[in-house]
N, C-alpha and C. Protein backbone atom coordinates (compact mmCIF):
# COMPACT_ATOMS: atom_id res chain seq x y z
N ILE A 1 146.73 95.04 87.02
CA ILE A 1 146.93 96.67 87.69
C ILE A 1 148.18 96.48 88.00
N PHE A 2 148.70 95.79 88.38
CA PHE A 2 150.16 95.97 89.49
C PHE A 2 151.50 96.18 87.83
N ASN A 3 150.99 95.44 86.89
CA ASN A 3 152.11 95.34 86.13
C ASN A 3 151.85 96.65 85.24
N CYS A 4 150.44 97.21 85.20
CA CYS A 4 150.41 98.86 84.06
C CYS A 4 150.64 99.58 85.30
N ILE A 5 150.82 99.72 86.18
CA ILE A 5 151.20 101.09 87.56
C ILE A 5 152.66 100.55 87.40
N SER A 6 153.13 99.78 87.36
CA SER A 6 154.76 99.45 87.46
C SER A 6 155.39 99.47 86.21
N GLY A 7 154.43 99.64 84.80
CA GLY A 7 155.60 100.07 83.77
C GLY A 7 155.63 98.89 82.84
N PHE A 8 155.15 97.19 83.55
CA PHE A 8 155.90 96.36 82.66
C PHE A 8 154.50 95.65 81.32
N TYR A 9 153.51 96.64 81.82
CA TYR A 9 152.15 96.30 80.51
C TYR A 9 151.74 97.89 80.40
N ARG A 10 151.54 98.00 79.24
CA ARG A 10 150.82 99.24 78.81
C ARG A 10 149.37 99.20 78.54
N PRO A 11 148.42 99.88 79.66
CA PRO A 11 147.32 100.28 79.27
C PRO A 11 146.76 100.29 77.82
N THR A 12 145.48 100.05 77.67
CA THR A 12 144.68 99.82 76.13
C THR A 12 144.15 101.25 76.06
N ASN A 13 143.85 101.83 77.51
CA ASN A 13 143.24 103.00 77.15
C ASN A 13 143.18 103.50 78.55
N GLY A 14 143.04 104.89 78.94
CA GLY A 14 142.82 105.42 80.31
C GLY A 14 144.61 105.97 80.73
N ALA A 15 144.65 106.44 82.07
CA ALA A 15 145.88 107.10 82.45
C ALA A 15 146.13 106.76 83.89
N ILE A 16 147.60 106.92 84.40
CA ILE A 16 147.82 106.70 85.61
C ILE A 16 148.94 107.55 85.74
N ARG A 17 148.19 108.15 87.02
CA ARG A 17 148.96 109.30 87.82
C ARG A 17 149.32 108.94 88.49
N PHE A 18 150.33 109.59 89.33
CA PHE A 18 151.35 109.26 90.80
C PHE A 18 151.81 110.65 91.06
N ARG A 19 151.31 111.02 92.26
CA ARG A 19 151.59 111.81 93.08
C ARG A 19 152.00 113.35 91.59
N GLU A 20 150.64 113.53 91.18
CA GLU A 20 150.02 114.58 90.27
C GLU A 20 150.48 114.50 89.00
N ARG A 21 151.69 113.08 88.52
CA ARG A 21 152.44 113.22 87.30
C ARG A 21 151.92 111.71 86.95
N GLU A 22 151.33 112.17 85.32
CA GLU A 22 151.01 111.03 84.58
C GLU A 22 152.45 110.10 84.42
N ILE A 23 152.18 108.54 84.71
CA ILE A 23 153.19 107.70 84.38
C ILE A 23 152.76 106.57 83.66
N THR A 24 152.10 106.76 82.82
CA THR A 24 151.18 106.02 82.01
C THR A 24 152.10 105.14 80.91
N HIS A 25 153.42 105.98 80.27
CA HIS A 25 153.97 105.70 79.41
C HIS A 25 155.49 105.38 79.81
N LEU A 26 155.57 105.56 81.02
CA LEU A 26 157.43 105.51 81.57
C LEU A 26 157.92 104.12 81.52
N ARG A 27 158.99 104.27 81.80
CA ARG A 27 159.62 102.77 81.67
C ARG A 27 159.70 101.86 83.56
N PRO A 28 159.86 100.32 83.67
CA PRO A 28 160.01 100.58 85.16
C PRO A 28 160.58 101.16 85.60
N ASP A 29 162.05 101.45 84.85
CA ASP A 29 163.35 101.80 86.18
C ASP A 29 162.47 103.52 86.59
N GLN A 30 162.21 104.01 85.14
CA GLN A 30 161.36 105.27 85.87
C GLN A 30 160.71 106.16 86.29
N ILE A 31 159.84 104.73 86.39
CA ILE A 31 158.61 104.79 87.31
C ILE A 31 159.43 104.26 89.03
N ALA A 32 160.11 103.24 89.13
CA ALA A 32 160.87 103.18 90.37
C ALA A 32 161.56 104.17 90.80
N ARG A 33 161.83 105.23 89.99
CA ARG A 33 162.86 106.30 90.40
C ARG A 33 161.85 107.27 91.15
N LEU A 34 160.67 107.62 90.62
CA LEU A 34 159.71 108.51 90.98
C LEU A 34 159.10 107.95 92.39
N GLY A 35 159.39 106.68 92.75
CA GLY A 35 158.97 106.21 94.11
C GLY A 35 158.07 105.59 94.12
N ILE A 36 158.38 104.22 93.24
CA ILE A 36 157.09 103.26 93.21
C ILE A 36 158.02 101.64 93.04
N ALA A 37 157.82 101.31 93.75
CA ALA A 37 158.38 99.46 94.35
C ALA A 37 157.46 98.65 93.98
N ARG A 38 157.62 97.45 93.86
CA ARG A 38 157.25 95.82 93.72
C ARG A 38 157.61 95.35 93.81
N THR A 39 156.53 94.03 95.02
CA THR A 39 157.52 92.47 94.66
C THR A 39 156.42 91.81 94.12
N PHE A 40 156.90 90.83 93.54
CA PHE A 40 155.95 89.70 92.48
C PHE A 40 155.49 88.50 93.17
N GLN A 41 154.44 88.13 92.82
CA GLN A 41 153.68 86.80 93.38
C GLN A 41 154.79 85.73 93.27
N ASN A 42 155.29 84.94 91.83
CA ASN A 42 156.37 84.63 92.05
C ASN A 42 157.61 84.95 92.23
N VAL A 43 158.47 84.83 93.41
CA VAL A 43 159.75 85.43 94.08
C VAL A 43 160.54 85.82 92.76
N GLN A 44 160.79 87.25 92.59
CA GLN A 44 162.13 87.40 91.47
C GLN A 44 163.31 88.17 92.14
N LEU A 45 163.91 87.05 92.59
CA LEU A 45 165.30 87.27 93.28
C LEU A 45 166.67 86.92 92.06
N PHE A 46 167.57 87.62 92.30
CA PHE A 46 168.80 87.18 91.53
C PHE A 46 169.29 85.68 92.17
N ARG A 47 169.38 85.24 91.52
CA ARG A 47 168.95 83.74 93.05
C ARG A 47 170.41 83.25 92.99
N THR A 48 171.25 83.57 92.42
CA THR A 48 173.32 83.17 92.55
C THR A 48 173.68 84.18 93.55
N MET A 49 173.33 85.49 93.45
CA MET A 49 173.57 86.18 94.11
C MET A 49 172.85 86.02 95.93
N SER A 50 174.32 86.60 96.71
CA SER A 50 174.17 86.72 97.87
C SER A 50 172.43 87.52 98.55
N ALA A 51 172.09 87.19 99.59
CA ALA A 51 171.09 87.54 100.04
C ALA A 51 171.58 89.46 99.77
N LEU A 52 172.37 89.83 100.50
CA LEU A 52 172.76 91.32 100.90
C LEU A 52 173.44 91.60 99.54
N ASP A 53 173.55 90.93 98.40
CA ASP A 53 174.22 91.42 97.05
C ASP A 53 172.45 91.60 96.16
N ASN A 54 171.61 91.26 96.68
CA ASN A 54 170.25 91.49 96.13
C ASN A 54 169.83 92.95 97.24
N ILE A 55 170.22 93.22 97.87
CA ILE A 55 169.99 94.48 98.63
C ILE A 55 170.67 95.83 97.94
N LEU A 56 172.04 95.18 97.73
CA LEU A 56 173.21 95.78 97.15
C LEU A 56 172.82 96.61 96.00
N VAL A 57 172.20 95.65 95.07
CA VAL A 57 172.02 96.05 93.33
C VAL A 57 170.66 97.06 93.45
N ALA A 58 170.10 96.94 94.43
CA ALA A 58 168.67 97.93 94.32
C ALA A 58 168.92 98.77 94.96
N LYS A 59 169.61 99.17 96.00
CA LYS A 59 170.41 100.72 96.61
C LYS A 59 171.50 101.27 95.51
N HIS A 60 172.15 100.27 94.75
CA HIS A 60 173.47 100.86 93.89
C HIS A 60 172.49 101.79 92.53
N SER A 61 171.61 100.92 92.57
CA SER A 61 170.55 101.35 91.18
C SER A 61 169.92 103.53 91.41
N HIS A 62 170.05 103.57 92.66
CA HIS A 62 169.41 104.74 93.15
C HIS A 62 171.02 105.73 93.12
N MET A 63 172.19 104.95 93.41
CA MET A 63 173.18 106.00 93.65
C MET A 63 173.17 106.82 92.31
N ARG A 64 173.61 108.03 92.98
CA ARG A 64 173.79 109.42 91.83
C ARG A 64 175.39 109.73 91.48
N THR A 65 175.91 108.98 91.45
CA THR A 65 177.16 108.68 91.12
C THR A 65 177.73 108.35 89.61
N GLY A 66 178.43 109.30 89.06
CA GLY A 66 179.07 108.84 87.47
C GLY A 66 179.84 107.94 87.08
N ILE A 67 179.55 106.95 86.15
CA ILE A 67 180.58 106.20 85.34
C ILE A 67 182.26 106.18 86.16
N LEU A 68 182.27 107.45 85.64
CA LEU A 68 183.78 107.68 85.74
C LEU A 68 184.46 107.74 87.15
N ALA A 69 183.54 108.80 88.08
CA ALA A 69 184.09 108.93 89.72
C ALA A 69 183.56 107.27 90.03
N GLU A 70 183.03 106.31 89.83
CA GLU A 70 183.19 105.23 90.55
C GLU A 70 184.41 104.20 89.88
N ALA A 71 184.87 104.69 88.48
CA ALA A 71 186.01 103.75 88.11
C ALA A 71 187.00 104.35 88.71
N LEU A 72 187.26 105.86 88.89
CA LEU A 72 188.64 106.73 89.53
C LEU A 72 187.90 106.40 91.36
N ALA A 73 187.07 105.63 91.95
CA ALA A 73 186.89 105.36 93.29
C ALA A 73 187.31 106.71 94.22
N LEU A 74 187.00 107.71 93.68
CA LEU A 74 186.75 109.00 94.15
C LEU A 74 186.56 108.91 96.13
N PRO A 75 186.92 109.88 96.89
CA PRO A 75 186.77 109.69 97.89
C PRO A 75 185.01 109.71 98.49
N PHE A 76 184.59 110.52 97.81
CA PHE A 76 182.74 110.46 98.25
C PHE A 76 182.05 109.31 97.48
N VAL A 77 182.87 108.47 96.37
CA VAL A 77 182.15 107.33 96.49
C VAL A 77 182.46 106.39 96.97
N ARG A 78 183.30 106.34 97.62
CA ARG A 78 183.88 105.10 98.98
C ARG A 78 182.86 105.68 100.03
N GLN A 79 182.81 106.92 100.32
CA GLN A 79 182.04 107.67 101.09
C GLN A 79 180.29 106.61 101.14
N GLN A 80 179.79 107.25 99.46
CA GLN A 80 178.64 106.74 99.44
C GLN A 80 178.29 104.95 99.42
N GLU A 81 179.21 104.32 99.12
CA GLU A 81 179.03 102.81 99.03
C GLU A 81 179.67 102.39 100.90
N ARG A 82 179.86 102.86 100.92
CA ARG A 82 179.29 102.50 102.86
C ARG A 82 178.27 102.74 103.44
N MET A 83 178.12 103.83 102.78
CA MET A 83 176.64 104.32 103.56
C MET A 83 175.55 103.33 103.00
N VAL A 84 175.93 103.04 101.61
CA VAL A 84 174.78 102.10 100.96
C VAL A 84 174.80 101.09 101.49
N ARG A 85 176.16 100.42 101.79
CA ARG A 85 176.05 99.23 102.52
C ARG A 85 175.54 99.05 103.91
N GLU A 86 175.65 100.14 105.07
CA GLU A 86 175.43 99.89 105.99
C GLU A 86 173.88 100.11 106.21
N LYS A 87 173.19 100.95 104.82
CA LYS A 87 171.18 100.60 104.97
C LYS A 87 171.28 99.54 104.51
N ALA A 88 171.87 98.92 103.57
CA ALA A 88 171.78 97.39 103.20
C ALA A 88 171.48 96.50 104.27
N GLN A 89 172.46 96.71 105.37
CA GLN A 89 172.54 95.76 106.19
C GLN A 89 171.80 95.89 107.33
N GLU A 90 171.47 97.29 107.44
CA GLU A 90 170.15 97.72 108.87
C GLU A 90 168.56 97.04 107.96
N LEU A 91 168.60 97.36 106.53
CA LEU A 91 167.63 96.66 106.39
C LEU A 91 167.49 95.06 107.03
N MET A 92 168.65 94.68 106.53
CA MET A 92 168.62 93.03 105.91
C MET A 92 168.54 92.23 108.03
N GLU A 93 168.68 93.52 109.01
CA GLU A 93 168.39 93.13 110.59
C GLU A 93 166.86 93.36 110.80
N PHE A 94 166.46 94.59 110.16
CA PHE A 94 164.90 94.75 110.37
C PHE A 94 164.02 94.00 109.76
N LEU A 95 164.70 93.11 108.39
CA LEU A 95 163.61 91.95 108.22
C LEU A 95 164.09 90.59 108.70
N SER A 96 164.91 90.65 109.77
CA SER A 96 165.37 89.06 110.57
C SER A 96 166.55 88.04 109.16
N LEU A 97 167.24 89.37 108.54
CA LEU A 97 167.85 88.83 107.71
C LEU A 97 169.48 88.11 107.82
N THR A 98 169.87 88.68 109.44
CA THR A 98 170.91 89.08 109.35
C THR A 98 172.08 88.02 108.78
N GLY A 99 171.64 86.88 109.55
CA GLY A 99 172.50 85.44 109.48
C GLY A 99 172.23 84.90 108.07
N MET A 100 171.92 85.18 107.24
CA MET A 100 171.14 85.10 105.85
C MET A 100 172.69 85.97 104.59
N GLN A 101 173.17 86.70 105.69
CA GLN A 101 173.46 87.72 104.19
C GLN A 101 174.49 87.00 103.26
N ARG A 102 175.13 86.19 103.33
CA ARG A 102 176.05 85.43 102.68
C ARG A 102 175.50 84.20 102.05
N GLN A 103 174.56 84.12 102.43
CA GLN A 103 173.64 82.77 101.56
C GLN A 103 173.18 83.32 100.23
N ALA A 104 173.47 82.32 99.27
CA ALA A 104 172.50 82.60 97.83
C ALA A 104 171.33 82.48 98.16
N ALA A 105 170.50 83.50 97.37
CA ALA A 105 169.43 84.16 97.66
C ALA A 105 168.31 82.97 97.28
N GLY A 106 168.64 82.21 96.38
CA GLY A 106 168.08 80.84 95.48
C GLY A 106 167.91 79.60 96.73
N ASN A 107 168.85 79.58 98.05
CA ASN A 107 168.94 79.00 98.70
C ASN A 107 168.27 78.86 99.89
N LEU A 108 167.49 80.02 100.10
CA LEU A 108 166.60 80.67 101.24
C LEU A 108 165.25 79.82 100.80
N PRO A 109 165.03 79.84 102.41
CA PRO A 109 163.41 79.29 102.40
C PRO A 109 162.23 80.20 102.00
N LEU A 110 161.00 79.65 101.58
CA LEU A 110 160.25 80.79 100.86
C LEU A 110 160.07 81.85 101.73
N GLY A 111 159.62 81.83 102.73
CA GLY A 111 159.49 82.88 103.58
C GLY A 111 160.62 83.68 103.61
N SER A 112 161.28 83.27 103.61
CA SER A 112 163.01 84.39 104.00
C SER A 112 162.82 84.86 102.34
N GLN A 113 163.08 83.77 101.66
CA GLN A 113 163.00 84.61 100.07
C GLN A 113 162.03 86.01 99.91
N LYS A 114 161.00 85.45 100.41
CA LYS A 114 159.85 86.95 100.34
C LYS A 114 160.26 88.26 100.92
N ARG A 115 160.12 87.64 102.03
CA ARG A 115 161.22 89.02 103.06
C ARG A 115 162.24 89.64 102.31
N LEU A 116 163.16 88.46 101.66
CA LEU A 116 164.54 89.76 100.92
C LEU A 116 163.81 89.98 99.91
N GLU A 117 162.96 89.60 99.32
CA GLU A 117 162.51 90.74 97.67
C GLU A 117 161.30 91.67 98.39
N LEU A 118 161.11 91.99 99.57
CA LEU A 118 160.22 92.83 100.09
C LEU A 118 161.57 94.15 100.41
N GLY A 119 162.91 93.55 101.04
CA GLY A 119 163.74 94.16 101.12
C GLY A 119 164.34 94.76 100.52
N ARG A 120 164.25 94.52 98.72
CA ARG A 120 164.90 94.78 97.92
C ARG A 120 163.96 95.93 97.61
N ALA A 121 163.15 95.74 97.43
CA ALA A 121 161.73 96.55 97.09
C ALA A 121 161.97 98.02 98.10
N LEU A 122 162.17 97.78 99.49
CA LEU A 122 162.58 98.69 100.42
C LEU A 122 163.63 99.42 99.72
N ALA A 123 164.76 98.78 99.48
CA ALA A 123 166.00 99.40 98.89
C ALA A 123 165.82 100.60 98.24
N LEU A 124 164.48 100.69 97.57
CA LEU A 124 164.21 101.93 96.74
C LEU A 124 164.16 103.03 97.25
N ASP A 125 163.38 102.80 98.09
CA ASP A 125 163.24 104.04 98.70
C ASP A 125 161.70 104.82 98.36
N PRO A 126 160.71 103.76 97.98
CA PRO A 126 159.46 103.73 97.63
C PRO A 126 158.64 104.65 98.57
N ARG A 127 157.88 105.40 98.05
CA ARG A 127 156.50 106.21 98.65
C ARG A 127 155.43 105.49 98.68
N LEU A 128 155.12 104.04 97.46
CA LEU A 128 154.32 103.31 97.16
C LEU A 128 154.87 102.22 96.92
N LEU A 129 154.25 101.09 97.91
CA LEU A 129 154.84 99.69 97.83
C LEU A 129 153.88 98.74 97.70
N LEU A 130 154.39 98.48 96.01
CA LEU A 130 153.06 97.32 95.84
C LEU A 130 153.52 96.18 96.01
N LEU A 131 152.22 95.08 96.45
CA LEU A 131 152.84 93.70 97.02
C LEU A 131 151.81 92.72 96.47
N ASP A 132 152.41 91.81 95.52
CA ASP A 132 151.55 91.10 94.86
C ASP A 132 151.10 90.15 95.37
N GLU A 133 150.50 89.19 96.06
CA GLU A 133 150.37 88.23 96.87
C GLU A 133 151.01 88.06 97.53
N PRO A 134 151.94 88.76 98.61
CA PRO A 134 153.07 88.42 99.31
C PRO A 134 152.54 86.91 100.53
N ALA A 135 151.40 86.56 100.56
CA ALA A 135 151.15 85.44 101.57
C ALA A 135 151.27 84.02 100.54
N SER A 136 151.05 84.06 99.26
CA SER A 136 151.24 83.08 98.60
C SER A 136 152.38 81.99 98.99
N GLY A 137 151.91 80.73 99.43
CA GLY A 137 153.13 79.69 99.30
C GLY A 137 153.69 79.63 101.02
N LEU A 138 152.60 80.69 101.96
CA LEU A 138 153.42 80.76 103.11
C LEU A 138 152.42 79.79 104.13
N ASN A 139 152.65 79.06 105.27
CA ASN A 139 152.19 78.98 105.77
C ASN A 139 151.06 79.49 106.94
N ILE A 140 150.54 79.14 108.17
CA ILE A 140 149.69 80.18 108.66
C ILE A 140 150.30 81.07 109.69
N SER A 141 151.38 80.35 110.10
CA SER A 141 152.68 81.37 111.32
C SER A 141 153.19 82.26 110.32
N GLU A 142 153.84 81.50 109.34
CA GLU A 142 154.47 82.72 108.81
C GLU A 142 153.33 83.69 108.27
N THR A 143 152.49 83.70 107.60
CA THR A 143 151.43 84.35 107.26
C THR A 143 151.11 85.74 108.41
N GLN A 144 150.96 85.02 109.90
CA GLN A 144 150.74 85.65 111.18
C GLN A 144 151.60 86.87 110.98
N ALA A 145 153.37 85.92 110.55
CA ALA A 145 154.65 86.90 111.27
C ALA A 145 154.66 88.26 109.82
N LEU A 146 154.31 87.62 108.65
CA LEU A 146 154.44 88.49 107.60
C LEU A 146 153.19 89.68 107.96
N ALA A 147 151.96 89.92 108.39
CA ALA A 147 151.21 90.80 108.86
C ALA A 147 151.67 91.60 110.00
N GLN A 148 152.64 90.95 110.44
CA GLN A 148 153.09 92.21 111.62
C GLN A 148 154.02 92.96 110.93
N LEU A 149 155.15 92.20 110.11
CA LEU A 149 156.38 92.87 109.01
C LEU A 149 155.56 93.86 108.43
N LEU A 150 154.46 93.39 107.85
CA LEU A 150 153.92 94.77 106.86
C LEU A 150 153.52 95.87 107.82
N LEU A 151 152.85 95.81 108.67
CA LEU A 151 152.78 96.88 109.70
C LEU A 151 153.69 97.75 110.16
N LYS A 152 154.64 97.01 110.47
CA LYS A 152 156.09 97.72 110.81
C LYS A 152 156.71 98.33 109.68
N VAL A 153 156.60 97.61 108.66
CA VAL A 153 157.19 98.23 107.33
C VAL A 153 156.62 99.87 107.19
N ARG A 154 155.05 99.55 107.12
CA ARG A 154 154.11 100.72 107.13
C ARG A 154 154.48 101.81 108.03
N ASP A 155 154.87 101.81 109.20
CA ASP A 155 154.59 102.65 110.31
C ASP A 155 156.35 102.82 110.43
N ARG A 156 157.51 102.05 109.87
CA ARG A 156 158.55 102.65 109.97
C ARG A 156 158.98 103.54 108.83
N PHE A 157 158.41 103.14 107.79
CA PHE A 157 159.10 103.46 106.27
C PHE A 157 158.33 104.62 106.01
N LYS A 158 156.72 105.06 107.04
CA LYS A 158 155.75 106.47 106.34
C LYS A 158 155.84 106.14 104.91
N LEU A 159 155.40 104.84 104.50
CA LEU A 159 154.48 104.59 103.23
C LEU A 159 153.43 104.09 102.80
N THR A 160 152.45 104.10 101.66
CA THR A 160 151.66 103.68 101.39
C THR A 160 151.48 101.81 101.05
N ILE A 161 150.78 101.18 101.27
CA ILE A 161 151.12 100.19 100.66
C ILE A 161 149.62 99.17 99.65
N LEU A 162 149.99 98.86 98.66
CA LEU A 162 148.61 98.29 98.21
C LEU A 162 149.26 97.06 98.06
N LEU A 163 148.18 96.23 98.36
CA LEU A 163 148.91 94.43 97.96
C LEU A 163 147.28 93.96 97.32
N VAL A 164 147.86 93.28 96.65
CA VAL A 164 146.38 91.92 95.81
C VAL A 164 147.14 90.81 96.31
N GLU A 165 145.37 90.44 97.62
CA GLU A 165 145.95 89.13 98.13
C GLU A 165 144.50 88.45 98.09
N HIS A 166 144.92 87.19 98.18
CA HIS A 166 143.77 86.40 98.25
C HIS A 166 143.58 85.76 99.93
N ASP A 167 144.44 86.20 100.79
CA ASP A 167 144.14 85.47 101.94
C ASP A 167 143.48 86.74 102.99
N MET A 168 142.12 86.19 103.43
CA MET A 168 141.09 87.42 103.75
C MET A 168 141.85 87.63 105.13
N GLY A 169 142.01 86.67 105.87
CA GLY A 169 142.54 86.95 107.33
C GLY A 169 143.28 88.02 107.32
N LEU A 170 144.52 87.88 106.33
CA LEU A 170 146.04 88.79 106.20
C LEU A 170 145.18 90.36 105.92
N VAL A 171 144.10 89.89 104.75
CA VAL A 171 143.59 91.37 104.57
C VAL A 171 142.97 92.15 105.27
N MET A 172 142.13 91.53 106.42
CA MET A 172 141.17 91.74 107.13
C MET A 172 142.07 92.95 108.34
N ASN A 173 143.29 91.96 108.51
CA ASN A 173 143.88 92.18 109.67
C ASN A 173 144.74 93.27 109.27
N ILE A 174 145.42 93.77 108.33
CA ILE A 174 146.19 94.95 108.05
C ILE A 174 145.62 96.07 107.25
N SER A 175 144.39 96.02 106.52
CA SER A 175 143.94 96.94 105.15
C SER A 175 142.99 97.85 105.88
N ASP A 176 143.80 99.09 106.17
CA ASP A 176 142.86 100.52 106.08
C ASP A 176 141.54 100.35 105.36
N THR A 177 141.79 100.17 104.63
CA THR A 177 140.88 100.23 103.14
C THR A 177 140.83 99.18 102.05
N ILE A 178 139.46 98.63 102.16
CA ILE A 178 140.34 97.26 100.63
C ILE A 178 138.88 97.51 99.42
N THR A 179 139.22 97.02 98.68
CA THR A 179 138.60 97.70 96.87
C THR A 179 138.46 95.72 97.08
N VAL A 180 137.06 95.68 96.56
CA VAL A 180 136.97 94.23 96.28
C VAL A 180 136.71 94.24 94.54
N LEU A 181 137.25 93.18 94.04
CA LEU A 181 137.04 93.17 92.14
C LEU A 181 136.24 91.64 92.37
N ASN A 182 135.44 91.96 91.42
CA ASN A 182 134.83 90.38 90.84
C ASN A 182 134.69 90.86 89.25
N PHE A 183 135.50 89.79 88.69
CA PHE A 183 135.57 89.79 87.19
C PHE A 183 136.11 91.04 86.75
N GLY A 184 136.68 91.60 87.59
CA GLY A 184 137.37 92.94 87.05
C GLY A 184 136.50 94.53 87.51
N ARG A 185 135.96 93.60 88.20
CA ARG A 185 134.62 95.32 88.03
C ARG A 185 134.66 95.09 89.72
N LYS A 186 134.94 96.47 90.21
CA LYS A 186 134.56 97.29 91.60
C LYS A 186 133.25 96.65 91.78
N ILE A 187 133.56 95.76 93.13
CA ILE A 187 131.68 95.42 93.61
C ILE A 187 131.62 96.29 94.71
N ALA A 188 132.60 96.87 95.40
CA ALA A 188 132.85 97.37 97.01
C ALA A 188 134.00 97.97 97.22
N GLU A 189 134.13 98.85 98.11
CA GLU A 189 135.16 99.54 98.87
C GLU A 189 135.03 100.07 100.13
N GLY A 190 135.46 100.22 100.73
CA GLY A 190 135.58 100.34 102.63
C GLY A 190 136.62 99.80 103.53
N THR A 191 136.32 99.94 104.77
CA THR A 191 136.85 99.63 106.19
C THR A 191 136.58 98.15 105.73
N PRO A 192 137.34 97.63 106.46
CA PRO A 192 137.12 95.90 106.67
C PRO A 192 135.86 95.29 107.08
N ARG A 193 135.44 96.07 107.63
CA ARG A 193 133.95 95.65 108.78
C ARG A 193 132.44 96.58 107.38
N ASP A 194 133.08 97.18 106.44
CA ASP A 194 131.92 97.63 105.23
C ASP A 194 131.99 96.45 104.80
N VAL A 195 133.41 96.32 104.31
CA VAL A 195 133.64 95.24 103.06
C VAL A 195 132.98 93.80 103.09
N GLN A 196 133.11 93.34 104.25
CA GLN A 196 132.90 92.33 105.17
C GLN A 196 131.33 91.99 105.22
N ASN A 197 130.59 93.06 105.46
CA ASN A 197 129.07 93.06 105.54
C ASN A 197 128.55 93.51 104.01
N ASP A 198 129.22 93.53 103.31
CA ASP A 198 128.78 94.37 101.93
C ASP A 198 127.83 92.82 101.18
N PRO A 199 126.68 93.58 100.71
CA PRO A 199 125.79 92.69 100.37
C PRO A 199 126.09 92.09 98.70
N GLU A 200 126.88 92.94 98.25
CA GLU A 200 127.25 92.57 96.69
C GLU A 200 128.63 91.27 97.13
N VAL A 201 129.46 91.69 98.16
CA VAL A 201 130.62 90.84 98.13
C VAL A 201 130.30 89.56 99.06
N ILE A 202 129.36 89.70 100.07
CA ILE A 202 128.34 88.12 100.40
C ILE A 202 127.99 87.26 99.04
N LYS A 203 127.47 87.97 98.10
CA LYS A 203 126.85 87.24 96.66
C LYS A 203 127.60 86.26 96.23
N ALA A 204 128.81 87.57 95.53
CA ALA A 204 129.85 87.42 94.80
C ALA A 204 131.01 86.25 95.67
N TYR A 205 131.14 86.04 97.05
CA TYR A 205 132.30 85.20 97.49
C TYR A 205 131.87 84.48 98.18
N LEU A 206 130.50 84.40 98.37
CA LEU A 206 129.76 83.36 99.73
C LEU A 206 128.53 82.66 98.92
N GLY A 207 128.03 83.35 98.04
CA GLY A 207 126.81 82.61 97.42
C GLY A 207 125.30 83.46 98.00
N GLU A 208 124.69 83.33 97.50
CA GLU A 208 123.14 83.96 97.61
C GLU A 208 122.65 83.38 98.69
N ASN A 209 123.29 82.09 98.86
CA ASN A 209 121.94 80.86 99.15
C ASN A 209 122.49 80.71 100.89
N ILE A 210 123.64 81.75 101.11
CA ILE A 210 124.30 81.25 102.53
C ILE A 210 123.23 81.90 103.89
N GLY A 211 123.31 80.68 104.42
CA GLY A 211 122.40 80.82 106.02
C GLY A 211 120.75 80.17 105.26
N ALA A 212 120.42 79.85 103.91
CA ALA A 212 118.93 79.73 103.81
C ALA A 212 119.37 78.10 103.80
N GLU A 213 118.03 77.55 104.48
CA GLU A 213 117.23 76.37 104.48
C GLU A 213 117.29 75.64 103.64
N GLY A 214 117.69 74.29 103.61
CA GLY A 214 117.18 73.04 102.36
C GLY A 214 118.04 73.48 101.44
N PRO A 215 118.06 72.62 100.20
CA PRO A 215 118.72 72.92 99.15
C PRO A 215 118.65 73.67 98.19
């Protein structure tokens, strides 16, 4: 689903709409410019580039200066470049990555790499943020820290977060609405409490005989 929304896959039927506009056949870069950013289950960073440069790449993709203006280093281009760098450094600080700015992204611990990839997505100024298995590979304390960070992201940037995640503790703790799929079919949707008590969810993920006596 995420690959279809973000333009990496083309759906065989149906349509995808975002903010009243159909985006079904747009390229990933066009979709990103409309306000949709994403992370990946397997972290996708420019591994040999510094952590800060990974953020700057995303920021630069949204600059509106032309090639000639950049080549001539016109004053407004230099001013915009300073603003971009300041915003990138603010993001690094927000994500607790300040001391890692000059380190190669591929040398960072997994938890830091995931925060950096999140920062690169946020650098695109999205209205919708897609997170694909953000807790994958993290230990319990890192997952708890991630939960708090995602709540801070939601509140600070005033955006919608859509995540696919198998860590039910994380999902239950941070979600307003949960949609449950079973073999690609939606079987439940609602608040964490509603979903937790839904008979179909219990049957699909816990088994029909939970609590029954005997074999």
